[in-house]
Amino acid sequence: MISVMGTLMINLERRIYTLQYMTAKERYYQMMEEEPDILLRAPLGAVASYLGMSQETLSRIRR
């Protein structure tokens, strides 16, 4: 069984990888697969910030 600290470390490593090696579009599509209703719950500015992109970039990707 993985400890809480182990789970946090795995999640942090995954987050760093996605921000460094995935394109903005790939990060958006991955988020939509994992949390499809996130856009209904969070403001677009917060989603864009979490994904490491501007609101304008997020708007272009969503089109």
PDB file of N, CA and C in Angstrom:
ATOM      1  N   MET A   1       0.842  -1.184   0.000  1.00  0.00           N
ATOM      2  CA  MET A   1       0.000   0.000   0.000  1.00  0.00           C
ATOM      3  C   MET A   1       0.888   1.249   0.000  1.00  0.00           C
ATOM      4  N   ILE A   2       0.584   2.167  -0.903  1.00  0.00           N
ATOM      5  CA  ILE A   2       1.375   3.390  -1.004  1.00  0.00           C
ATOM      6  C   ILE A   2       0.920   4.371   0.069  1.00  0.00           C
ATOM      7  N   SER A   3       1.888   4.974   0.723  1.00  0.00           N
ATOM      8  CA  SER A   3       1.568   5.944   1.762  1.00  0.00           C
ATOM      9  C   SER A   3       1.047   7.232   1.145  1.00  0.00           C
ATOM     10  N   VAL A   4       0.515   8.077   1.981  1.00  0.00           N
ATOM     11  CA  VAL A   4       0.017   9.375   1.526  1.00  0.00           C
ATOM     12  C   VAL A   4       1.161  10.181   0.911  1.00  0.00           C
ATOM     13  N   MET A   5       2.314  10.147   1.547  1.00  0.00           N
ATOM     14  CA  MET A   5       3.473  10.884   1.028  1.00  0.00           C
ATOM     15  C   MET A   5       3.889  10.322  -0.326  1.00  0.00           C
ATOM     16  N   GLY A   6       3.848   9.017  -0.485  1.00  0.00           N
ATOM     17  CA  GLY A   6       4.185   8.397  -1.764  1.00  0.00           C
ATOM     18  C   GLY A   6       3.226   8.827  -2.858  1.00  0.00           C
ATOM     19  N   THR A   7       1.938   8.879  -2.538  1.00  0.00           N
ATOM     20  CA  THR A   7       0.928   9.314  -3.499  1.00  0.00           C
ATOM     21  C   THR A   7       1.156  10.764  -3.904  1.00  0.00           C
ATOM     22  N   LEU A   8       1.459  11.618  -2.935  1.00  0.00           N
ATOM     23  CA  LEU A   8       1.732  13.031  -3.229  1.00  0.00           C
ATOM     24  C   LEU A   8       2.955  13.176  -4.126  1.00  0.00           C
ATOM     25  N   MET A   9       3.983  12.405  -3.863  1.00  0.00           N
ATOM     26  CA  MET A   9       5.198  12.476  -4.674  1.00  0.00           C
ATOM     27  C   MET A   9       4.926  12.024  -6.115  1.00  0.00           C
ATOM     28  N   ILE A  10       4.147  10.979  -6.274  1.00  0.00           N
ATOM     29  CA  ILE A  10       3.800  10.496  -7.616  1.00  0.00           C
ATOM     30  C   ILE A  10       2.998  11.550  -8.363  1.00  0.00           C
ATOM     31  N   ASN A  11       2.029  12.165  -7.688  1.00  0.00           N
ATOM     32  CA  ASN A  11       1.221  13.211  -8.320  1.00  0.00           C
ATOM     33  C   ASN A  11       2.073  14.424  -8.697  1.00  0.00           C
ATOM     34  N   LEU A  12       3.007  14.812  -7.841  1.00  0.00           N
ATOM     35  CA  LEU A  12       3.887  15.941  -8.129  1.00  0.00           C
ATOM     36  C   LEU A  12       4.784  15.638  -9.320  1.00  0.00           C
ATOM     37  N   GLU A  13       5.337  14.436  -9.364  1.00  0.00           N
ATOM     38  CA  GLU A  13       6.191  14.050 -10.482  1.00  0.00           C
ATOM     39  C   GLU A  13       5.416  14.082 -11.798  1.00  0.00           C
ATOM     40  N   ARG A  14       4.192  13.602 -11.766  1.00  0.00           N
ATOM     41  CA  ARG A  14       3.350  13.599 -12.962  1.00  0.00           C
ATOM     42  C   ARG A  14       3.040  15.029 -13.416  1.00  0.00           C
ATOM     43  N   ARG A  15       2.745  15.897 -12.464  1.00  0.00           N
ATOM     44  CA  ARG A  15       2.437  17.299 -12.783  1.00  0.00           C
ATOM     45  C   ARG A  15       3.634  17.995 -13.413  1.00  0.00           C
ATOM     46  N   ILE A  16       4.800  17.791 -12.844  1.00  0.00           N
ATOM     47  CA  ILE A  16       6.014  18.404 -13.390  1.00  0.00           C
ATOM     48  C   ILE A  16       6.263  17.895 -14.801  1.00  0.00           C
ATOM     49  N   TYR A  17       6.094  16.589 -15.020  1.00  0.00           N
ATOM     50  CA  TYR A  17       6.299  16.019 -16.351  1.00  0.00           C
ATOM     51  C   TYR A  17       5.351  16.663 -17.366  1.00  0.00           C
ATOM     52  N   THR A  18       4.069  16.774 -17.013  1.00  0.00           N
ATOM     53  CA  THR A  18       3.108  17.318 -17.973  1.00  0.00           C
ATOM     54  C   THR A  18       3.427  18.774 -18.311  1.00  0.00           C
ATOM     55  N   LEU A  19       3.838  19.549 -17.326  1.00  0.00           N
ATOM     56  CA  LEU A  19       4.153  20.954 -17.593  1.00  0.00           C
ATOM     57  C   LEU A  19       5.417  21.110 -18.429  1.00  0.00           C
ATOM     58  N   GLN A  20       6.366  20.185 -18.282  1.00  0.00           N
ATOM     59  CA  GLN A  20       7.624  20.303 -19.015  1.00  0.00           C
ATOM     60  C   GLN A  20       7.564  19.717 -20.418  1.00  0.00           C
ATOM     61  N   TYR A  21       6.863  18.611 -20.592  1.00  0.00           N
ATOM     62  CA  TYR A  21       7.000  17.853 -21.832  1.00  0.00           C
ATOM     63  C   TYR A  21       5.744  17.762 -22.693  1.00  0.00           C
ATOM     64  N   MET A  22       4.604  18.179 -22.190  1.00  0.00           N
ATOM     65  CA  MET A  22       3.382  18.109 -22.984  1.00  0.00           C
ATOM     66  C   MET A  22       3.039  19.485 -23.535  1.00  0.00           C
ATOM     67  N   THR A  23       2.432  19.504 -24.716  1.00  0.00           N
ATOM     68  CA  THR A  23       1.981  20.768 -25.281  1.00  0.00           C
ATOM     69  C   THR A  23       0.740  21.241 -24.529  1.00  0.00           C
ATOM     70  N   ALA A  24       0.382  22.493 -24.745  1.00  0.00           N
ATOM     71  CA  ALA A  24      -0.812  23.046 -24.099  1.00  0.00           C
ATOM     72  C   ALA A  24      -2.053  22.236 -24.492  1.00  0.00           C
ATOM     73  N   LYS A  25      -2.137  21.869 -25.760  1.00  0.00           N
ATOM     74  CA  LYS A  25      -3.285  21.106 -26.235  1.00  0.00           C
ATOM     75  C   LYS A  25      -3.333  19.729 -25.576  1.00  0.00           C
ATOM     76  N   GLU A  26      -2.190  19.082 -25.443  1.00  0.00           N
ATOM     77  CA  GLU A  26      -2.140  17.766 -24.801  1.00  0.00           C
ATOM     78  C   GLU A  26      -2.549  17.857 -23.333  1.00  0.00           C
ATOM     79  N   ARG A  27      -2.081  18.914 -22.640  1.00  0.00           N
ATOM     80  CA  ARG A  27      -2.466  19.086 -21.233  1.00  0.00           C
ATOM     81  C   ARG A  27      -3.971  19.300 -21.098  1.00  0.00           C
ATOM     82  N   TYR A  28      -4.547  20.089 -22.010  1.00  0.00           N
ATOM     83  CA  TYR A  28      -5.987  20.344 -21.974  1.00  0.00           C
ATOM     84  C   TYR A  28      -6.766  19.046 -22.189  1.00  0.00           C
ATOM     85  N   TYR A  29      -6.402  18.272 -23.211  1.00  0.00           N
ATOM     86  CA  TYR A  29      -7.132  17.035 -23.495  1.00  0.00           C
ATOM     87  C   TYR A  29      -6.967  16.009 -22.380  1.00  0.00           C
ATOM     88  N   GLN A  30      -5.787  15.960 -21.760  1.00  0.00           N
ATOM     89  CA  GLN A  30      -5.594  15.048 -20.641  1.00  0.00           C
ATOM     90  C   GLN A  30      -6.504  15.444 -19.480  1.00  0.00           C
ATOM     91  N   MET A  31      -6.577  16.738 -19.191  1.00  0.00           N
ATOM     92  CA  MET A  31      -7.448  17.200 -18.112  1.00  0.00           C
ATOM     93  C   MET A  31      -8.911  16.872 -18.422  1.00  0.00           C
ATOM     94  N   MET A  32      -9.317  17.041 -19.678  1.00  0.00           N
ATOM     95  CA  MET A  32     -10.701  16.760 -20.047  1.00  0.00           C
ATOM     96  C   MET A  32     -11.026  15.265 -19.932  1.00  0.00           C
ATOM     97  N   GLU A  33     -10.041  14.397 -20.143  1.00  0.00           N
ATOM     98  CA  GLU A  33     -10.260  12.966 -19.953  1.00  0.00           C
ATOM     99  C   GLU A  33     -10.403  12.620 -18.484  1.00  0.00           C
ATOM    100  N   GLU A  34      -9.574  13.251 -17.649  1.00  0.00           N
ATOM    101  CA  GLU A  34      -9.556  12.927 -16.225  1.00  0.00           C
ATOM    102  C   GLU A  34     -10.641  13.657 -15.433  1.00  0.00           C
ATOM    103  N   GLU A  35     -10.933  14.891 -15.776  1.00  0.00           N
ATOM    104  CA  GLU A  35     -11.921  15.720 -15.060  1.00  0.00           C
ATOM    105  C   GLU A  35     -12.797  16.448 -16.066  1.00  0.00           C
ATOM    106  N   PRO A  36     -13.693  15.744 -16.763  1.00  0.00           N
ATOM    107  CA  PRO A  36     -14.457  16.385 -17.849  1.00  0.00           C
ATOM    108  C   PRO A  36     -15.383  17.511 -17.398  1.00  0.00           C
ATOM    109  N   ASP A  37     -15.813  17.512 -16.156  1.00  0.00           N
ATOM    110  CA  ASP A  37     -16.737  18.560 -15.713  1.00  0.00           C
ATOM    111  C   ASP A  37     -16.031  19.737 -15.039  1.00  0.00           C
ATOM    112  N   ILE A  38     -14.715  19.793 -15.137  1.00  0.00           N
ATOM    113  CA  ILE A  38     -13.966  20.849 -14.461  1.00  0.00           C
ATOM    114  C   ILE A  38     -14.343  22.237 -14.974  1.00  0.00           C
ATOM    115  N   LEU A  39     -14.666  22.355 -16.256  1.00  0.00           N
ATOM    116  CA  LEU A  39     -15.004  23.665 -16.816  1.00  0.00           C
ATOM    117  C   LEU A  39     -16.343  24.170 -16.292  1.00  0.00           C
ATOM    118  N   LEU A  40     -17.167  23.280 -15.786  1.00  0.00           N
ATOM    119  CA  LEU A  40     -18.440  23.693 -15.195  1.00  0.00           C
ATOM    120  C   LEU A  40     -18.251  24.178 -13.764  1.00  0.00           C
ATOM    121  N   ARG A  41     -17.183  23.731 -13.117  1.00  0.00           N
ATOM    122  CA  ARG A  41     -16.983  24.040 -11.708  1.00  0.00           C
ATOM    123  C   ARG A  41     -15.977  25.144 -11.444  1.00  0.00           C
ATOM    124  N   ALA A  42     -15.036  25.353 -12.365  1.00  0.00           N
ATOM    125  CA  ALA A  42     -13.956  26.306 -12.109  1.00  0.00           C
ATOM    126  C   ALA A  42     -13.947  27.405 -13.170  1.00  0.00           C
ATOM    127  N   PRO A  43     -13.561  28.620 -12.793  1.00  0.00           N
ATOM    128  CA  PRO A  43     -13.450  29.696 -13.781  1.00  0.00           C
ATOM    129  C   PRO A  43     -12.358  29.382 -14.803  1.00  0.00           C
ATOM    130  N   LEU A  44     -12.543  29.851 -16.018  1.00  0.00           N
ATOM    131  CA  LEU A  44     -11.573  29.565 -17.081  1.00  0.00           C
ATOM    132  C   LEU A  44     -10.181  30.081 -16.741  1.00  0.00           C
ATOM    133  N   GLY A  45     -10.099  31.199 -16.056  1.00  0.00           N
ATOM    134  CA  GLY A  45      -8.792  31.727 -15.663  1.00  0.00           C
ATOM    135  C   GLY A  45      -8.043  30.770 -14.750  1.00  0.00           C
ATOM    136  N   ALA A  46      -8.756  30.138 -13.837  1.00  0.00           N
ATOM    137  CA  ALA A  46      -8.134  29.173 -12.928  1.00  0.00           C
ATOM    138  C   ALA A  46      -7.699  27.922 -13.672  1.00  0.00           C
ATOM    139  N   VAL A  47      -8.518  27.470 -14.609  1.00  0.00           N
ATOM    140  CA  VAL A  47      -8.173  26.291 -15.411  1.00  0.00           C
ATOM    141  C   VAL A  47      -6.937  26.584 -16.252  1.00  0.00           C
ATOM    142  N   ALA A  48      -6.906  27.739 -16.892  1.00  0.00           N
ATOM    143  CA  ALA A  48      -5.759  28.123 -17.720  1.00  0.00           C
ATOM    144  C   ALA A  48      -4.490  28.195 -16.876  1.00  0.00           C
ATOM    145  N   SER A  49      -4.592  28.790 -15.707  1.00  0.00           N
ATOM    146  CA  SER A  49      -3.436  28.904 -14.826  1.00  0.00           C
ATOM    147  C   SER A  49      -2.947  27.520 -14.406  1.00  0.00           C
ATOM    148  N   TYR A  50      -3.847  26.635 -14.051  1.00  0.00           N
ATOM    149  CA  TYR A  50      -3.479  25.271 -13.650  1.00  0.00           C
ATOM    150  C   TYR A  50      -2.771  24.545 -14.789  1.00  0.00           C
ATOM    151  N   LEU A  51      -3.222  24.777 -16.007  1.00  0.00           N
ATOM    152  CA  LEU A  51      -2.631  24.117 -17.168  1.00  0.00           C
ATOM    153  C   LEU A  51      -1.357  24.804 -17.659  1.00  0.00           C
ATOM    154  N   GLY A  52      -1.025  25.956 -17.076  1.00  0.00           N
ATOM    155  CA  GLY A  52       0.200  26.654 -17.441  1.00  0.00           C
ATOM    156  C   GLY A  52       0.103  27.383 -18.762  1.00  0.00           C
ATOM    157  N   MET A  53      -1.060  27.985 -19.031  1.00  0.00           N
ATOM    158  CA  MET A  53      -1.244  28.715 -20.287  1.00  0.00           C
ATOM    159  C   MET A  53      -2.103  29.944 -20.026  1.00  0.00           C
ATOM    160  N   SER A  54      -2.151  30.830 -21.006  1.00  0.00           N
ATOM    161  CA  SER A  54      -2.978  32.021 -20.869  1.00  0.00           C
ATOM    162  C   SER A  54      -4.434  31.678 -21.177  1.00  0.00           C
ATOM    163  N   GLN A  55      -5.329  32.569 -20.773  1.00  0.00           N
ATOM    164  CA  GLN A  55      -6.744  32.370 -21.084  1.00  0.00           C
ATOM    165  C   GLN A  55      -6.972  32.388 -22.593  1.00  0.00           C
ATOM    166  N   GLU A  56      -6.213  33.203 -23.298  1.00  0.00           N
ATOM    167  CA  GLU A  56      -6.349  33.270 -24.751  1.00  0.00           C
ATOM    168  C   GLU A  56      -5.981  31.940 -25.399  1.00  0.00           C
ATOM    169  N   THR A  57      -4.904  31.331 -24.933  1.00  0.00           N
ATOM    170  CA  THR A  57      -4.485  30.033 -25.463  1.00  0.00           C
ATOM    171  C   THR A  57      -5.550  28.977 -25.175  1.00  0.00           C
ATOM    172  N   LEU A  58      -6.083  28.987 -23.962  1.00  0.00           N
ATOM    173  CA  LEU A  58      -7.136  28.022 -23.609  1.00  0.00           C
ATOM    174  C   LEU A  58      -8.359  28.225 -24.497  1.00  0.00           C
ATOM    175  N   SER A  59      -8.726  29.474 -24.746  1.00  0.00           N
ATOM    176  CA  SER A  59      -9.870  29.747 -25.609  1.00  0.00           C
ATOM    177  C   SER A  59      -9.631  29.236 -27.033  1.00  0.00           C
ATOM    178  N   ARG A  60      -8.416  29.423 -27.557  1.00  0.00           N
ATOM    179  CA  ARG A  60      -8.100  28.915 -28.898  1.00  0.00           C
ATOM    180  C   ARG A  60      -8.180  27.401 -28.955  1.00  0.00           C
ATOM    181  N   ILE A  61      -7.684  26.734 -27.928  1.00  0.00           N
ATOM    182  CA  ILE A  61      -7.705  25.266 -27.901  1.00  0.00           C
ATOM    183  C   ILE A  61      -9.141  24.754 -27.834  1.00  0.00           C
ATOM    184  N   ARG A  62      -9.983  25.438 -27.071  1.00  0.00           N
ATOM    185  CA  ARG A  62     -11.364  24.988 -26.910  1.00  0.00           C
ATOM    186  C   ARG A  62     -12.189  25.166 -28.173  1.00  0.00           C
ATOM    187  N   ARG A  63     -11.803  26.047 -29.088  1.00  0.00           N
ATOM    188  CA  ARG A  63     -12.549  26.272 -30.318  1.00  0.00           C
ATOM    189  C   ARG A  63     -12.500  25.108 -31.202  1.00  0.00           C
TER     190      ARG A  63
END
